[in-house]
Amino acid sequence: PVARIGFAFGGGTGREVNTSRIGEGGGGGGGAGAQPLGF
């Protein structure tokens, strides 16, 4: 079998420093796909 395969992903983190509060956060995600082309 022959197929086209692809995937992508991304993510990041951040930080907020303020006089009244300090916070951190982050996130990420991704996906994959495959398409049959032939054999």
Full PDB file with SEQRES, HELIX, SHEET, SSBOND, CRYST1, ORIGX, SCALE, CONECT and MASTER records, all heavy atoms in Angstrom:
SEQRES   1 A   39  PRO VAL ALA ARG ILE GLY PHE ALA PHE GLY GLY GLY THR          
SEQRES   2 A   39  GLY ARG GLU VAL ASN THR SER ARG ILE GLY GLU GLY GLY          
SEQRES   3 A   39  GLY GLY GLY GLY GLY ALA GLY ALA GLN PRO LEU GLY PHE          
SHEET    1 AA1 2 VAL A   2  VAL A  17  0                                        
SHEET    2 AA1 2 ILE A  22  GLY A  38 -1                                        
CRYST1    1.000    1.000    1.000  90.00  90.00  90.00 P 1           1          
ORIGX1      1.000000  0.000000  0.000000        0.00000                         
ORIGX2      0.000000  1.000000  0.000000        0.00000                         
ORIGX3      0.000000  0.000000  1.000000        0.00000                         
SCALE1      1.000000  0.000000  0.000000        0.00000                         
SCALE2      0.000000  1.000000  0.000000        0.00000                         
SCALE3      0.000000  0.000000  1.000000        0.00000                         
ATOM      1  N   PRO A   1       0.825  -1.219   0.000  1.00  0.00           N  
ATOM      2  CA  PRO A   1       0.000   0.000   0.000  1.00  0.00           C  
ATOM      3  C   PRO A   1       0.854   1.263   0.000  1.00  0.00           C  
ATOM      4  O   PRO A   1       1.957   1.283   0.548  1.00  0.00           O  
ATOM      5  CB  PRO A   1      -0.813  -0.113   1.287  1.00  0.00           C  
ATOM      6  CG  PRO A   1      -0.035  -1.032   2.159  1.00  0.00           C  
ATOM      7  CD  PRO A   1       0.733  -1.947   1.266  1.00  0.00           C  
ATOM      8  N   VAL A   2       0.319   2.311  -0.622  1.00  0.00           N  
ATOM      9  CA  VAL A   2       0.985   3.611  -0.685  1.00  0.00           C  
ATOM     10  C   VAL A   2      -0.009   4.663  -0.195  1.00  0.00           C  
ATOM     11  O   VAL A   2      -1.161   4.671  -0.621  1.00  0.00           O  
ATOM     12  CB  VAL A   2       1.434   3.940  -2.131  1.00  0.00           C  
ATOM     13  CG1 VAL A   2       2.070   5.312  -2.203  1.00  0.00           C  
ATOM     14  CG2 VAL A   2       2.379   2.872  -2.656  1.00  0.00           C  
ATOM     15  N   ALA A   3       0.434   5.536   0.699  1.00  0.00           N  
ATOM     16  CA  ALA A   3      -0.446   6.581   1.226  1.00  0.00           C  
ATOM     17  C   ALA A   3       0.352   7.844   1.491  1.00  0.00           C  
ATOM     18  O   ALA A   3       1.571   7.817   1.642  1.00  0.00           O  
ATOM     19  CB  ALA A   3      -1.116   6.117   2.517  1.00  0.00           C  
ATOM     20  N   ARG A   4      -0.350   8.960   1.534  1.00  0.00           N  
ATOM     21  CA  ARG A   4       0.248  10.241   1.914  1.00  0.00           C  
ATOM     22  C   ARG A   4      -0.070  10.450   3.388  1.00  0.00           C  
ATOM     23  O   ARG A   4      -1.235  10.451   3.791  1.00  0.00           O  
ATOM     24  CB  ARG A   4      -0.348  11.374   1.103  1.00  0.00           C  
ATOM     25  CG  ARG A   4       0.213  12.740   1.511  1.00  0.00           C  
ATOM     26  CD  ARG A   4      -0.387  13.875   0.688  1.00  0.00           C  
ATOM     27  NE  ARG A   4      -0.077  13.668  -0.714  1.00  0.00           N  
ATOM     28  CZ  ARG A   4      -0.967  13.792  -1.693  1.00  0.00           C  
ATOM     29  NH1 ARG A   4      -2.211  14.109  -1.432  1.00  0.00           N  
ATOM     30  NH2 ARG A   4      -0.620  13.599  -2.946  1.00  0.00           N  
ATOM     31  N   ILE A   5       0.969  10.622   4.185  1.00  0.00           N  
ATOM     32  CA  ILE A   5       0.824  10.790   5.624  1.00  0.00           C  
ATOM     33  C   ILE A   5       1.317  12.181   6.005  1.00  0.00           C  
ATOM     34  O   ILE A   5       2.336  12.633   5.505  1.00  0.00           O  
ATOM     35  CB  ILE A   5       1.673   9.742   6.393  1.00  0.00           C  
ATOM     36  CG1 ILE A   5       1.426   8.327   5.868  1.00  0.00           C  
ATOM     37  CG2 ILE A   5       1.448   9.837   7.877  1.00  0.00           C  
ATOM     38  CD1 ILE A   5       0.053   7.815   6.078  1.00  0.00           C  
ATOM     39  N   GLY A   6       0.601  12.841   6.883  1.00  0.00           N  
ATOM     40  CA  GLY A   6       1.046  14.144   7.355  1.00  0.00           C  
ATOM     41  C   GLY A   6       0.599  14.378   8.780  1.00  0.00           C  
ATOM     42  O   GLY A   6      -0.421  13.852   9.221  1.00  0.00           O  
ATOM     43  N   PHE A   7       1.406  15.115   9.497  1.00  0.00           N  
ATOM     44  CA  PHE A   7       0.980  15.509  10.834  1.00  0.00           C  
ATOM     45  C   PHE A   7       1.571  16.860  11.162  1.00  0.00           C  
ATOM     46  O   PHE A   7       2.582  17.275  10.622  1.00  0.00           O  
ATOM     47  CB  PHE A   7       1.323  14.452  11.886  1.00  0.00           C  
ATOM     48  CG  PHE A   7       2.794  14.202  12.110  1.00  0.00           C  
ATOM     49  CD1 PHE A   7       3.472  14.832  13.134  1.00  0.00           C  
ATOM     50  CD2 PHE A   7       3.483  13.311  11.317  1.00  0.00           C  
ATOM     51  CE1 PHE A   7       4.805  14.590  13.350  1.00  0.00           C  
ATOM     52  CE2 PHE A   7       4.815  13.055  11.525  1.00  0.00           C  
ATOM     53  CZ  PHE A   7       5.487  13.700  12.543  1.00  0.00           C  
ATOM     54  N   ALA A   8       0.870  17.552  12.022  1.00  0.00           N  
ATOM     55  CA  ALA A   8       1.290  18.888  12.446  1.00  0.00           C  
ATOM     56  C   ALA A   8       0.953  19.045  13.920  1.00  0.00           C  
ATOM     57  O   ALA A   8       0.008  18.449  14.415  1.00  0.00           O  
ATOM     58  CB  ALA A   8       0.581  19.957  11.632  1.00  0.00           C  
ATOM     59  N   PHE A   9       1.747  19.824  14.578  1.00  0.00           N  
ATOM     60  CA  PHE A   9       1.493  20.056  15.984  1.00  0.00           C  
ATOM     61  C   PHE A   9       2.105  21.382  16.383  1.00  0.00           C  
ATOM     62  O   PHE A   9       2.942  21.943  15.686  1.00  0.00           O  
ATOM     63  CB  PHE A   9       2.051  18.920  16.850  1.00  0.00           C  
ATOM     64  CG  PHE A   9       3.501  18.650  16.636  1.00  0.00           C  
ATOM     65  CD1 PHE A   9       4.465  19.269  17.408  1.00  0.00           C  
ATOM     66  CD2 PHE A   9       3.912  17.790  15.644  1.00  0.00           C  
ATOM     67  CE1 PHE A   9       5.801  19.029  17.193  1.00  0.00           C  
ATOM     68  CE2 PHE A   9       5.246  17.536  15.420  1.00  0.00           C  
ATOM     69  CZ  PHE A   9       6.195  18.162  16.199  1.00  0.00           C  
ATOM     70  N   GLY A  10       1.657  21.878  17.502  1.00  0.00           N  
ATOM     71  CA  GLY A  10       2.179  23.132  18.019  1.00  0.00           C  
ATOM     72  C   GLY A  10       1.859  23.249  19.493  1.00  0.00           C  
ATOM     73  O   GLY A  10       1.020  22.542  20.026  1.00  0.00           O  
ATOM     74  N   GLY A  11       2.546  24.115  20.123  1.00  0.00           N  
ATOM     75  CA  GLY A  11       2.325  24.319  21.549  1.00  0.00           C  
ATOM     76  C   GLY A  11       3.102  25.522  22.031  1.00  0.00           C  
ATOM     77  O   GLY A  11       3.916  26.097  21.314  1.00  0.00           O  
ATOM     78  N   GLY A  12       2.842  25.878  23.223  1.00  0.00           N  
ATOM     79  CA  GLY A  12       3.560  27.009  23.789  1.00  0.00           C  
ATOM     80  C   GLY A  12       3.229  27.208  25.243  1.00  0.00           C  
ATOM     81  O   GLY A  12       2.297  26.618  25.780  1.00  0.00           O  
ATOM     82  N   THR A  13       4.034  28.005  25.865  1.00  0.00           N  
ATOM     83  CA  THR A  13       3.812  28.357  27.259  1.00  0.00           C  
ATOM     84  C   THR A  13       3.947  29.866  27.395  1.00  0.00           C  
ATOM     85  O   THR A  13       4.535  30.540  26.548  1.00  0.00           O  
ATOM     86  CB  THR A  13       4.829  27.676  28.187  1.00  0.00           C  
ATOM     87  OG1 THR A  13       6.139  28.106  27.847  1.00  0.00           O  
ATOM     88  CG2 THR A  13       4.734  26.165  28.082  1.00  0.00           C  
ATOM     89  N   GLY A  14       3.431  30.373  28.452  1.00  0.00           N  
ATOM     90  CA  GLY A  14       3.526  31.807  28.697  1.00  0.00           C  
ATOM     91  C   GLY A  14       3.499  32.109  30.174  1.00  0.00           C  
ATOM     92  O   GLY A  14       3.112  31.276  30.994  1.00  0.00           O  
ATOM     93  N   ARG A  15       3.937  33.296  30.489  1.00  0.00           N  
ATOM     94  CA  ARG A  15       3.990  33.715  31.877  1.00  0.00           C  
ATOM     95  C   ARG A  15       3.594  35.168  31.961  1.00  0.00           C  
ATOM     96  O   ARG A  15       4.002  35.976  31.132  1.00  0.00           O  
ATOM     97  CB  ARG A  15       5.420  33.523  32.384  1.00  0.00           C  
ATOM     98  CG  ARG A  15       5.532  33.527  33.871  1.00  0.00           C  
ATOM     99  CD  ARG A  15       6.946  33.270  34.222  1.00  0.00           C  
ATOM    100  NE  ARG A  15       7.615  34.560  34.068  1.00  0.00           N  
ATOM    101  CZ  ARG A  15       8.787  34.856  34.544  1.00  0.00           C  
ATOM    102  NH1 ARG A  15       9.486  33.946  35.146  1.00  0.00           N  
ATOM    103  NH2 ARG A  15       9.296  36.030  34.401  1.00  0.00           N  
ATOM    104  N   GLU A  16       2.789  35.476  32.930  1.00  0.00           N  
ATOM    105  CA  GLU A  16       2.375  36.852  33.160  1.00  0.00           C  
ATOM    106  C   GLU A  16       2.864  37.267  34.539  1.00  0.00           C  
ATOM    107  O   GLU A  16       2.598  36.601  35.537  1.00  0.00           O  
ATOM    108  CB  GLU A  16       0.850  36.982  33.103  1.00  0.00           C  
ATOM    109  CG  GLU A  16       0.375  38.386  33.378  1.00  0.00           C  
ATOM    110  CD  GLU A  16      -1.146  38.489  33.403  1.00  0.00           C  
ATOM    111  OE1 GLU A  16      -1.808  37.446  33.361  1.00  0.00           O  
ATOM    112  OE2 GLU A  16      -1.636  39.610  33.496  1.00  0.00           O  
ATOM    113  N   VAL A  17       3.613  38.348  34.558  1.00  0.00           N  
ATOM    114  CA  VAL A  17       4.087  38.878  35.831  1.00  0.00           C  
ATOM    115  C   VAL A  17       3.532  40.290  35.936  1.00  0.00           C  
ATOM    116  O   VAL A  17       3.869  41.162  35.159  1.00  0.00           O  
ATOM    117  CB  VAL A  17       5.631  38.892  35.898  1.00  0.00           C  
ATOM    118  CG1 VAL A  17       6.091  39.483  37.204  1.00  0.00           C  
ATOM    119  CG2 VAL A  17       6.186  37.507  35.704  1.00  0.00           C  
ATOM    120  N   ASN A  18       2.677  40.471  36.889  1.00  0.00           N  
ATOM    121  CA  ASN A  18       2.028  41.752  37.108  1.00  0.00           C  
ATOM    122  C   ASN A  18       2.196  42.093  38.589  1.00  0.00           C  
ATOM    123  O   ASN A  18       2.502  41.225  39.404  1.00  0.00           O  
ATOM    124  CB  ASN A  18       0.548  41.614  36.741  1.00  0.00           C  
ATOM    125  CG  ASN A  18      -0.098  42.943  36.441  1.00  0.00           C  
ATOM    126  OD1 ASN A  18       0.419  43.993  36.801  1.00  0.00           O  
ATOM    127  ND2 ASN A  18      -1.245  42.885  35.772  1.00  0.00           N  
ATOM    128  N   THR A  19       2.001  43.314  38.940  1.00  0.00           N  
ATOM    129  CA  THR A  19       2.145  43.686  40.342  1.00  0.00           C  
ATOM    130  C   THR A  19       1.096  43.016  41.222  1.00  0.00           C  
ATOM    131  O   THR A  19       1.351  42.704  42.371  1.00  0.00           O  
ATOM    132  CB  THR A  19       2.042  45.215  40.504  1.00  0.00           C  
ATOM    133  OG1 THR A  19       0.815  45.649  39.939  1.00  0.00           O  
ATOM    134  CG2 THR A  19       3.200  45.902  39.826  1.00  0.00           C  
ATOM    135  N   SER A  20      -0.070  42.748  40.644  1.00  0.00           N  
ATOM    136  CA  SER A  20      -1.125  42.150  41.457  1.00  0.00           C  
ATOM    137  C   SER A  20      -1.179  40.625  41.376  1.00  0.00           C  
ATOM    138  O   SER A  20      -1.729  39.988  42.252  1.00  0.00           O  
ATOM    139  CB  SER A  20      -2.483  42.728  41.049  1.00  0.00           C  
ATOM    140  OG  SER A  20      -2.748  42.406  39.702  1.00  0.00           O  
ATOM    141  N   ARG A  21      -0.603  40.051  40.324  1.00  0.00           N  
ATOM    142  CA  ARG A  21      -0.686  38.596  40.198  1.00  0.00           C  
ATOM    143  C   ARG A  21       0.450  38.066  39.324  1.00  0.00           C  
ATOM    144  O   ARG A  21       1.029  38.777  38.521  1.00  0.00           O  
ATOM    145  CB  ARG A  21      -2.019  38.186  39.617  1.00  0.00           C  
ATOM    146  CG  ARG A  21      -2.242  38.730  38.239  1.00  0.00           C  
ATOM    147  CD  ARG A  21      -3.588  38.347  37.700  1.00  0.00           C  
ATOM    148  NE  ARG A  21      -3.755  39.055  36.423  1.00  0.00           N  
ATOM    149  CZ  ARG A  21      -4.818  39.075  35.736  1.00  0.00           C  
ATOM    150  NH1 ARG A  21      -5.870  38.459  36.189  1.00  0.00           N  
ATOM    151  NH2 ARG A  21      -4.887  39.706  34.595  1.00  0.00           N  
ATOM    152  N   ILE A  22       0.700  36.798  39.490  1.00  0.00           N  
ATOM    153  CA  ILE A  22       1.685  36.081  38.674  1.00  0.00           C  
ATOM    154  C   ILE A  22       0.994  34.819  38.186  1.00  0.00           C  
ATOM    155  O   ILE A  22       0.372  34.104  38.950  1.00  0.00           O  
ATOM    156  CB  ILE A  22       2.940  35.707  39.493  1.00  0.00           C  
ATOM    157  CG1 ILE A  22       3.649  36.978  39.967  1.00  0.00           C  
ATOM    158  CG2 ILE A  22       3.882  34.845  38.664  1.00  0.00           C  
ATOM    159  CD1 ILE A  22       4.842  36.709  40.855  1.00  0.00           C  
ATOM    160  N   GLY A  23       1.105  34.545  36.890  1.00  0.00           N  
ATOM    161  CA  GLY A  23       0.445  33.360  36.353  1.00  0.00           C  
ATOM    162  C   GLY A  23       1.263  32.719  35.246  1.00  0.00           C  
ATOM    163  O   GLY A  23       2.055  33.368  34.588  1.00  0.00           O  
ATOM    164  N   GLU A  24       1.065  31.445  35.086  1.00  0.00           N  
ATOM    165  CA  GLU A  24       1.713  30.699  34.021  1.00  0.00           C  
ATOM    166  C   GLU A  24       0.669  29.849  33.328  1.00  0.00           C  
ATOM    167  O   GLU A  24      -0.340  29.471  33.923  1.00  0.00           O  
ATOM    168  CB  GLU A  24       2.804  29.784  34.574  1.00  0.00           C  
ATOM    169  CG  GLU A  24       3.992  30.520  35.144  1.00  0.00           C  
ATOM    170  CD  GLU A  24       5.091  29.570  35.579  1.00  0.00           C  
ATOM    171  OE1 GLU A  24       4.984  28.361  35.329  1.00  0.00           O  
ATOM    172  OE2 GLU A  24       6.048  30.049  36.170  1.00  0.00           O  
ATOM    173  N   GLY A  25       0.923  29.534  32.084  1.00  0.00           N  
ATOM    174  CA  GLY A  25       0.010  28.667  31.359  1.00  0.00           C  
ATOM    175  C   GLY A  25       0.677  28.103  30.134  1.00  0.00           C  
ATOM    176  O   GLY A  25       1.734  28.550  29.719  1.00  0.00           O  
ATOM    177  N   GLY A  26       0.057  27.120  29.592  1.00  0.00           N  
ATOM    178  CA  GLY A  26       0.604  26.509  28.389  1.00  0.00           C  
ATOM    179  C   GLY A  26      -0.435  25.631  27.747  1.00  0.00           C  
ATOM    180  O   GLY A  26      -1.471  25.335  28.325  1.00  0.00           O  
ATOM    181  N   GLY A  27      -0.142  25.253  26.541  1.00  0.00           N  
ATOM    182  CA  GLY A  27      -1.068  24.378  25.842  1.00  0.00           C  
ATOM    183  C   GLY A  27      -0.449  23.877  24.563  1.00  0.00           C  
ATOM    184  O   GLY A  27       0.587  24.349  24.130  1.00  0.00           O  
ATOM    185  N   GLY A  28      -1.093  22.926  23.995  1.00  0.00           N  
ATOM    186  CA  GLY A  28      -0.592  22.371  22.748  1.00  0.00           C  
ATOM    187  C   GLY A  28      -1.629  21.482  22.122  1.00  0.00           C  
ATOM    188  O   GLY A  28      -2.649  21.162  22.723  1.00  0.00           O  
ATOM    189  N   GLY A  29      -1.363  21.121  20.912  1.00  0.00           N  
ATOM    190  CA  GLY A  29      -2.274  20.231  20.216  1.00  0.00           C  
ATOM    191  C   GLY A  29      -1.679  19.809  18.889  1.00  0.00           C  
ATOM    192  O   GLY A  29      -0.634  20.295  18.481  1.00  0.00           O  
ATOM    193  N   GLY A  30      -2.342  18.915  18.255  1.00  0.00           N  
ATOM    194  CA  GLY A  30      -1.838  18.444  16.971  1.00  0.00           C  
ATOM    195  C   GLY A  30      -2.853  17.565  16.285  1.00  0.00           C  
ATOM    196  O   GLY A  30      -3.925  17.296  16.820  1.00  0.00           O  
ATOM    197  N   GLY A  31      -2.492  17.150  15.114  1.00  0.00           N  
ATOM    198  CA  GLY A  31      -3.368  16.274  14.359  1.00  0.00           C  
ATOM    199  C   GLY A  31      -2.581  15.495  13.331  1.00  0.00           C  
ATOM    200  O   GLY A  31      -1.468  15.860  12.978  1.00  0.00           O  
ATOM    201  N   ALA A  32      -3.158  14.420  12.888  1.00  0.00           N  
ATOM    202  CA  ALA A  32      -2.525  13.581  11.880  1.00  0.00           C  
ATOM    203  C   ALA A  32      -3.561  13.198  10.839  1.00  0.00           C  
ATOM    204  O   ALA A  32      -4.755  13.130  11.124  1.00  0.00           O  
ATOM    205  CB  ALA A  32      -1.945  12.324  12.517  1.00  0.00           C  
ATOM    206  N   GLY A  33      -3.092  12.979   9.637  1.00  0.00           N  
ATOM    207  CA  GLY A  33      -3.991  12.566   8.573  1.00  0.00           C  
ATOM    208  C   GLY A  33      -3.285  11.618   7.627  1.00  0.00           C  
ATOM    209  O   GLY A  33      -2.069  11.670   7.472  1.00  0.00           O  
ATOM    210  N   ALA A  34      -4.047  10.747   7.021  1.00  0.00           N  
ATOM    211  CA  ALA A  34      -3.502   9.809   6.058  1.00  0.00           C  
ATOM    212  C   ALA A  34      -4.502   9.646   4.923  1.00  0.00           C  
ATOM    213  O   ALA A  34      -5.702   9.538   5.153  1.00  0.00           O  
ATOM    214  CB  ALA A  34      -3.233   8.469   6.727  1.00  0.00           C  
ATOM    215  N   GLN A  35      -3.989   9.659   3.699  1.00  0.00           N  
ATOM    216  CA  GLN A  35      -4.844   9.528   2.532  1.00  0.00           C  
ATOM    217  C   GLN A  35      -4.305   8.410   1.650  1.00  0.00           C  
ATOM    218  O   GLN A  35      -3.145   8.443   1.235  1.00  0.00           O  
ATOM    219  CB  GLN A  35      -4.847  10.839   1.759  1.00  0.00           C  
ATOM    220  CG  GLN A  35      -5.628  10.784   0.477  1.00  0.00           C  
ATOM    221  CD  GLN A  35      -5.500  12.069  -0.327  1.00  0.00           C  
ATOM    222  OE1 GLN A  35      -4.675  12.911  -0.033  1.00  0.00           O  
ATOM    223  NE2 GLN A  35      -6.326  12.195  -1.339  1.00  0.00           N  
ATOM    224  N   PRO A  36      -5.112   7.419   1.330  1.00  0.00           N  
ATOM    225  CA  PRO A  36      -4.640   6.354   0.446  1.00  0.00           C  
ATOM    226  C   PRO A  36      -4.413   6.897  -0.965  1.00  0.00           C  
ATOM    227  O   PRO A  36      -5.231   7.649  -1.480  1.00  0.00           O  
ATOM    228  CB  PRO A  36      -5.773   5.330   0.476  1.00  0.00           C  
ATOM    229  CG  PRO A  36      -6.964   6.058   0.965  1.00  0.00           C  
ATOM    230  CD  PRO A  36      -6.474   7.219   1.786  1.00  0.00           C  
ATOM    231  N   LEU A  37      -3.291   6.542  -1.572  1.00  0.00           N  
ATOM    232  CA  LEU A  37      -2.977   7.001  -2.917  1.00  0.00           C  
ATOM    233  C   LEU A  37      -3.019   5.882  -3.950  1.00  0.00           C  
ATOM    234  O   LEU A  37      -3.358   6.118  -5.102  1.00  0.00           O  
ATOM    235  CB  LEU A  37      -1.585   7.638  -2.946  1.00  0.00           C  
ATOM    236  CG  LEU A  37      -1.409   8.904  -2.126  1.00  0.00           C  
ATOM    237  CD1 LEU A  37       0.021   9.391  -2.213  1.00  0.00           C  
ATOM    238  CD2 LEU A  37      -2.366   9.986  -2.576  1.00  0.00           C  
ATOM    239  N   GLY A  38      -2.638   4.673  -3.537  1.00  0.00           N  
ATOM    240  CA  GLY A  38      -2.595   3.573  -4.485  1.00  0.00           C  
ATOM    241  C   GLY A  38      -1.876   2.383  -3.877  1.00  0.00           C  
ATOM    242  O   GLY A  38      -1.778   2.264  -2.659  1.00  0.00           O  
ATOM    243  N   PHE A  39      -1.348   1.533  -4.758  1.00  0.00           N  
ATOM    244  CA  PHE A  39      -0.590   0.386  -4.273  1.00  0.00           C  
ATOM    245  C   PHE A  39       0.426  -0.018  -5.328  1.00  0.00           C  
ATOM    246  O   PHE A  39       0.296   0.301  -6.507  1.00  0.00           O  
ATOM    247  CB  PHE A  39      -1.512  -0.785  -3.915  1.00  0.00           C  
ATOM    248  CG  PHE A  39      -2.371  -1.267  -5.050  1.00  0.00           C  
ATOM    249  CD1 PHE A  39      -1.952  -2.308  -5.866  1.00  0.00           C  
ATOM    250  CD2 PHE A  39      -3.608  -0.694  -5.289  1.00  0.00           C  
ATOM    251  CE1 PHE A  39      -2.739  -2.751  -6.906  1.00  0.00           C  
ATOM    252  CE2 PHE A  39      -4.406  -1.137  -6.330  1.00  0.00           C  
ATOM    253  CZ  PHE A  39      -3.977  -2.173  -7.149  1.00  0.00           C  
TER     254      PHE A  39                                                      
MASTER        0    0    0    0    2    0    0    6  253    1    0    3          
END                                                                             
